[in-house]
Amino acid sequence: MNDETLVTQIGRQRSDQRHFVNTAIHRGSTVVYPTYAQFCEAGNLGRHQLSYGAEGTPTSFAVEQAIAELEGAAAGFIVPTGLAAVTTGLMAVLKAGDHLLIADSIYGPTRRFACSTLTRFGVEVEFFPPCLGADIKSLFRPNTRAVMTESPGSLTFEIQDIPAIADVAHKHGAVVLMDNTWATPIFFKPFDHGVDISIQAATKYLSGHSDLLAGTVATTAALQDQVYHQLHDLGMTSAPEDCYLVLRGMRTLSIRLERHQQTALTLAEWLAGRPEVEKVLHPARPDFPTHDLWKRDFTGASGLFGCILKPVSKAQLAAFVDGMQLFSMGFSWGGYESLLIPCNPRSTRSSTTWEEPGQLLRISAGLEHPDDLIADLKAGFERMARV
């Protein structure tokens, strides 16, 4: 089935739902056993078998099966946050003495976890330029066990050559993890490009309504047991209400992404023509430096992109953002509402430098009409000009 159809079907077990359309919310901790034999067998039931609430419920099983199917993975897991998905994936494949390579454009909390927690437990962490591609081979050591990627980076939007990185990593016996939150499996199929563990912040597009915290991890068959045991050793159990909301959000994922994509491209084109804007950072635009990689590997673009203003004062920037009627300032993205935040990548780089003199803005195009969003931005530039 096409993905547009798939998202309406996956994670629905009609025989268990008494023929209701949606999977029910199953709350519970204790599972009771009618016989001694069944009690003795409880510890050997395996995944997606009811034994104790922390091991999952029919609601969490449904969303995990849906994630695996949409990702094209051997197994899927749901965890309480996107960061929990990152940390679970990394800890499942790393141990003391291992060497980890991380793209320099990575999500800020991923960087913080690697530098503060993984190093404390004896993992060597090294950041690499996100556009390195196959040349990453020069950074591999005998103890390199994993490469953490995010394509595009969610601040500066560099597209990484994931197939080339995966080819090098696998030749060296390392695994590739990818944060695929920006594209989702609708616009990028990580396992078709050599990824071993795919991570998403379901808080973003899978939810789509800015009322949920959740993360997902999808794996190859070779890694599913490692991830499963790591997840449960850490007590990563998601509430059934959150699992239900992820499933509900997935039903409209494809159609929402189409709208996000079109609105973002419309806004990017308009911003590119503004005299206040130095450049637009959108992987789907032909003028973007890694556009060719996006065109080769991706089937679409989401609603998150950036633009760099020509140098402005703090007062001018404040005048621009403070009077917005539709764009709000908030650190998330992927919801129905449009967001806009000023960013400073200089503080989150180590193997590369951010040398743009102008102010970077990150924009999440929501589901509002693009004409109204453009009017909001235009009014912001007019306020800026009056300062």
Foldseek 3Di string as FASTA:
>chain_A
DALLVLLLPALDDCVVCVNDSADDQDDFFQDDDPDPVVLVCLVVPDQPDDRGPLSHDSLQVRLFRSLCVLLVFPTKGKFQALVVQLVLVVVLFDAAPAEEEEELLADPVSVVCCVPPVVVRHYHYDYDHQACFLVCLVVDDLRHAEYEEEAQRQFQHDGHQQLRVLVSQVVSNHAYEYEDAFARSNWFNNVVSRHFKYKYFLCAALLQANPGGMMMIGGHPVRPVSSSVSCVVVSRGDRSVRSSSSSVSSSCSVVQQVLLQVLQVVVQVVLCPDPQFPHWFDLCDPPHPNVVSSVVGTPTGGNKTKTFTDAADPVLVCLLQVPFDQEDDDDGARHQGKYKDWDDSQVSGDNDHDDDPTIMMMIGDHNDDSVVVVVRNVVSNVSSVVD
